[in-house]
Amino acid sequence: LYNLSPQPVRPTLDSGETIDLEPESAEFFGESFQAEGVSEDATHRLVTDGEDDPLLIARESADGWDVLGEVTAVEAIE
């Protein structure tokens, strides 16, 4: 994901769902990674705690962040 930014990206979740995101930020903390981006209807956060942990994506809600699932692929949007 980070290598494709700042261009729009399309993560694919383990459920098969895809989300078109416009990346806004990306940060590394040692092996951990956190990024945020916006879709047409929400802000999303992507996080992983390290090399062996999955990349998860969540959607911002009024109550915080709702985890949508694991990201299994990311492609650039042309």
N, C-alpha and C. Protein backbone atom coordinates (compact mmCIF):
# COMPACT_ATOMS: atom_id res chain seq x y z
N LEU A 1 0.83 -1.20 0.00
CA LEU A 1 0.00 0.00 0.00
C LEU A 1 0.86 1.25 0.00
N TYR A 2 1.82 1.33 0.89
CA TYR A 2 2.62 2.54 1.01
C TYR A 2 3.37 2.84 -0.28
N ASN A 3 3.83 1.81 -0.97
CA ASN A 3 4.57 2.02 -2.22
C ASN A 3 3.67 2.55 -3.33
N LEU A 4 2.36 2.35 -3.24
CA LEU A 4 1.43 2.83 -4.25
C LEU A 4 0.96 4.26 -3.97
N SER A 5 1.07 4.70 -2.72
CA SER A 5 0.62 6.04 -2.32
C SER A 5 1.54 7.07 -2.94
N PRO A 6 1.16 8.28 -3.18
CA PRO A 6 -0.12 8.88 -2.79
C PRO A 6 -1.22 8.70 -3.84
N GLN A 7 -1.04 7.84 -4.78
CA GLN A 7 -2.07 7.58 -5.78
C GLN A 7 -3.22 6.80 -5.16
N PRO A 8 -4.44 6.93 -5.70
CA PRO A 8 -5.57 6.15 -5.19
C PRO A 8 -5.28 4.65 -5.30
N VAL A 9 -5.77 3.90 -4.31
CA VAL A 9 -5.55 2.46 -4.26
C VAL A 9 -6.87 1.73 -4.04
N ARG A 10 -6.87 0.43 -4.37
CA ARG A 10 -8.05 -0.41 -4.19
C ARG A 10 -7.64 -1.64 -3.38
N PRO A 11 -7.80 -1.60 -2.04
CA PRO A 11 -7.55 -2.79 -1.25
C PRO A 11 -8.67 -3.82 -1.44
N THR A 12 -8.31 -5.09 -1.45
CA THR A 12 -9.27 -6.19 -1.48
C THR A 12 -9.25 -6.85 -0.11
N LEU A 13 -10.42 -7.03 0.49
CA LEU A 13 -10.53 -7.66 1.80
C LEU A 13 -10.68 -9.16 1.66
N ASP A 14 -10.48 -9.87 2.76
CA ASP A 14 -10.60 -11.33 2.75
C ASP A 14 -12.02 -11.78 2.41
N SER A 15 -13.00 -10.88 2.53
CA SER A 15 -14.39 -11.20 2.16
C SER A 15 -14.62 -11.06 0.65
N GLY A 16 -13.63 -10.48 -0.07
CA GLY A 16 -13.78 -10.22 -1.50
C GLY A 16 -14.20 -8.79 -1.80
N GLU A 17 -14.66 -8.07 -0.79
CA GLU A 17 -15.05 -6.66 -0.96
C GLU A 17 -13.83 -5.82 -1.34
N THR A 18 -14.03 -4.81 -2.17
CA THR A 18 -12.97 -3.85 -2.49
C THR A 18 -13.43 -2.46 -2.08
N ILE A 19 -12.45 -1.60 -1.76
CA ILE A 19 -12.73 -0.22 -1.36
C ILE A 19 -11.76 0.67 -2.12
N ASP A 20 -12.26 1.69 -2.79
CA ASP A 20 -11.39 2.65 -3.46
C ASP A 20 -11.02 3.74 -2.46
N LEU A 21 -9.71 3.90 -2.22
CA LEU A 21 -9.23 4.85 -1.22
C LEU A 21 -8.30 5.88 -1.81
N GLU A 22 -8.41 7.09 -1.30
CA GLU A 22 -7.47 8.16 -1.58
C GLU A 22 -6.61 8.28 -0.32
N PRO A 23 -5.35 7.80 -0.34
CA PRO A 23 -4.50 7.84 0.85
C PRO A 23 -4.27 9.26 1.34
N GLU A 24 -4.28 9.42 2.68
CA GLU A 24 -4.02 10.72 3.29
C GLU A 24 -2.74 10.72 4.11
N SER A 25 -2.41 9.59 4.73
CA SER A 25 -1.20 9.54 5.55
C SER A 25 -0.75 8.09 5.71
N ALA A 26 0.54 7.94 5.99
CA ALA A 26 1.11 6.61 6.27
C ALA A 26 2.28 6.81 7.22
N GLU A 27 2.35 5.97 8.26
CA GLU A 27 3.42 6.06 9.25
C GLU A 27 3.94 4.68 9.58
N PHE A 28 5.23 4.59 9.77
CA PHE A 28 5.86 3.36 10.22
C PHE A 28 6.35 3.56 11.65
N PHE A 29 6.19 2.53 12.48
CA PHE A 29 6.67 2.51 13.85
C PHE A 29 7.44 1.22 14.02
N GLY A 30 8.73 1.20 13.68
CA GLY A 30 9.48 -0.05 13.67
C GLY A 30 8.89 -0.95 12.59
N GLU A 31 8.36 -2.12 12.98
CA GLU A 31 7.72 -3.02 12.03
C GLU A 31 6.22 -2.75 11.87
N SER A 32 5.68 -1.90 12.73
CA SER A 32 4.25 -1.57 12.66
C SER A 32 3.99 -0.52 11.59
N PHE A 33 2.77 -0.52 11.07
CA PHE A 33 2.38 0.40 10.00
C PHE A 33 0.96 0.85 10.24
N GLN A 34 0.71 2.14 10.01
CA GLN A 34 -0.65 2.67 10.09
C GLN A 34 -0.83 3.68 8.96
N ALA A 35 -1.97 3.61 8.29
CA ALA A 35 -2.28 4.55 7.21
C ALA A 35 -3.76 4.92 7.29
N GLU A 36 -4.08 6.09 6.76
CA GLU A 36 -5.47 6.50 6.66
C GLU A 36 -5.75 6.96 5.24
N GLY A 37 -6.99 6.75 4.82
CA GLY A 37 -7.43 7.18 3.51
C GLY A 37 -8.93 7.39 3.53
N VAL A 38 -9.43 8.04 2.50
CA VAL A 38 -10.86 8.29 2.44
C VAL A 38 -11.46 7.64 1.20
N SER A 39 -12.66 7.12 1.38
CA SER A 39 -13.45 6.60 0.26
C SER A 39 -14.55 7.62 0.01
N GLU A 40 -15.50 7.29 -0.83
CA GLU A 40 -16.60 8.22 -1.11
C GLU A 40 -17.44 8.53 0.12
N ASP A 41 -17.51 7.57 1.07
CA ASP A 41 -18.43 7.74 2.18
C ASP A 41 -17.82 7.67 3.57
N ALA A 42 -16.50 7.45 3.70
CA ALA A 42 -15.94 7.28 5.04
C ALA A 42 -14.42 7.42 5.04
N THR A 43 -13.89 7.60 6.25
CA THR A 43 -12.45 7.54 6.48
C THR A 43 -12.11 6.12 6.90
N HIS A 44 -11.01 5.60 6.39
CA HIS A 44 -10.57 4.24 6.70
C HIS A 44 -9.17 4.27 7.29
N ARG A 45 -8.89 3.34 8.17
CA ARG A 45 -7.55 3.18 8.75
C ARG A 45 -7.07 1.76 8.47
N LEU A 46 -5.81 1.66 8.06
CA LEU A 46 -5.16 0.37 7.83
C LEU A 46 -4.04 0.23 8.84
N VAL A 47 -3.96 -0.91 9.52
CA VAL A 47 -2.94 -1.11 10.55
C VAL A 47 -2.39 -2.53 10.50
N THR A 48 -1.12 -2.65 10.87
CA THR A 48 -0.50 -3.94 11.10
C THR A 48 0.53 -3.75 12.20
N ASP A 49 0.74 -4.79 13.00
CA ASP A 49 1.70 -4.71 14.09
C ASP A 49 3.06 -5.25 13.70
N GLY A 50 3.22 -5.74 12.50
CA GLY A 50 4.53 -6.23 12.10
C GLY A 50 4.47 -7.16 10.91
N GLU A 51 5.63 -7.67 10.56
CA GLU A 51 5.80 -8.48 9.35
C GLU A 51 4.91 -9.71 9.30
N ASP A 52 4.69 -10.36 10.44
CA ASP A 52 3.92 -11.60 10.47
C ASP A 52 2.44 -11.39 10.81
N ASP A 53 2.03 -10.15 11.03
CA ASP A 53 0.64 -9.86 11.38
C ASP A 53 -0.13 -9.39 10.14
N PRO A 54 -1.43 -9.67 10.09
CA PRO A 54 -2.21 -9.26 8.92
C PRO A 54 -2.39 -7.74 8.87
N LEU A 55 -2.63 -7.22 7.68
CA LEU A 55 -2.98 -5.81 7.49
C LEU A 55 -4.50 -5.73 7.60
N LEU A 56 -4.99 -5.01 8.60
CA LEU A 56 -6.42 -4.88 8.83
C LEU A 56 -6.90 -3.52 8.37
N ILE A 57 -8.16 -3.45 7.96
CA ILE A 57 -8.76 -2.18 7.57
C ILE A 57 -10.01 -1.96 8.40
N ALA A 58 -10.20 -0.71 8.84
CA ALA A 58 -11.36 -0.34 9.64
C ALA A 58 -11.99 0.92 9.06
N ARG A 59 -13.28 1.09 9.32
CA ARG A 59 -14.02 2.27 8.88
C ARG A 59 -14.35 3.11 10.11
N GLU A 60 -14.15 4.42 10.01
CA GLU A 60 -14.47 5.30 11.13
C GLU A 60 -15.98 5.42 11.26
N SER A 61 -16.45 5.32 12.51
CA SER A 61 -17.88 5.48 12.80
C SER A 61 -18.03 6.45 13.96
N ALA A 62 -19.24 6.74 14.34
CA ALA A 62 -19.50 7.65 15.46
C ALA A 62 -18.94 7.08 16.77
N ASP A 63 -18.81 5.75 16.86
CA ASP A 63 -18.34 5.10 18.07
C ASP A 63 -16.86 4.74 18.03
N GLY A 64 -16.14 5.13 16.98
CA GLY A 64 -14.72 4.78 16.87
C GLY A 64 -14.44 4.14 15.52
N TRP A 65 -13.75 2.98 15.55
CA TRP A 65 -13.35 2.29 14.33
C TRP A 65 -13.99 0.91 14.30
N ASP A 66 -14.63 0.57 13.19
CA ASP A 66 -15.23 -0.75 12.99
C ASP A 66 -14.34 -1.54 12.03
N VAL A 67 -13.76 -2.64 12.51
CA VAL A 67 -12.87 -3.45 11.67
C VAL A 67 -13.70 -4.14 10.59
N LEU A 68 -13.26 -3.98 9.34
CA LEU A 68 -13.95 -4.58 8.20
C LEU A 68 -13.36 -5.93 7.81
N GLY A 69 -12.05 -6.11 8.05
CA GLY A 69 -11.42 -7.37 7.71
C GLY A 69 -9.95 -7.22 7.39
N GLU A 70 -9.38 -8.30 6.89
CA GLU A 70 -7.97 -8.35 6.52
C GLU A 70 -7.81 -7.98 5.05
N VAL A 71 -6.79 -7.17 4.77
CA VAL A 71 -6.48 -6.80 3.39
C VAL A 71 -5.64 -7.92 2.79
N THR A 72 -6.08 -8.48 1.67
CA THR A 72 -5.36 -9.57 1.03
C THR A 72 -4.61 -9.14 -0.22
N ALA A 73 -4.98 -7.97 -0.78
CA ALA A 73 -4.29 -7.45 -1.98
C ALA A 73 -4.55 -5.96 -2.07
N VAL A 74 -3.64 -5.26 -2.74
CA VAL A 74 -3.81 -3.82 -2.99
C VAL A 74 -3.33 -3.54 -4.41
N GLU A 75 -4.14 -2.79 -5.15
CA GLU A 75 -3.73 -2.41 -6.50
C GLU A 75 -3.91 -0.91 -6.68
N ALA A 76 -3.09 -0.32 -7.53
CA ALA A 76 -3.23 1.09 -7.86
C ALA A 76 -4.45 1.28 -8.75
N ILE A 77 -5.13 2.40 -8.58
CA ILE A 77 -6.26 2.75 -9.43
C ILE A 77 -5.75 3.71 -10.49
N GLU A 78 -5.98 3.37 -11.72
CA GLU A 78 -5.50 4.21 -12.84
C GLU A 78 -6.42 5.38 -13.06
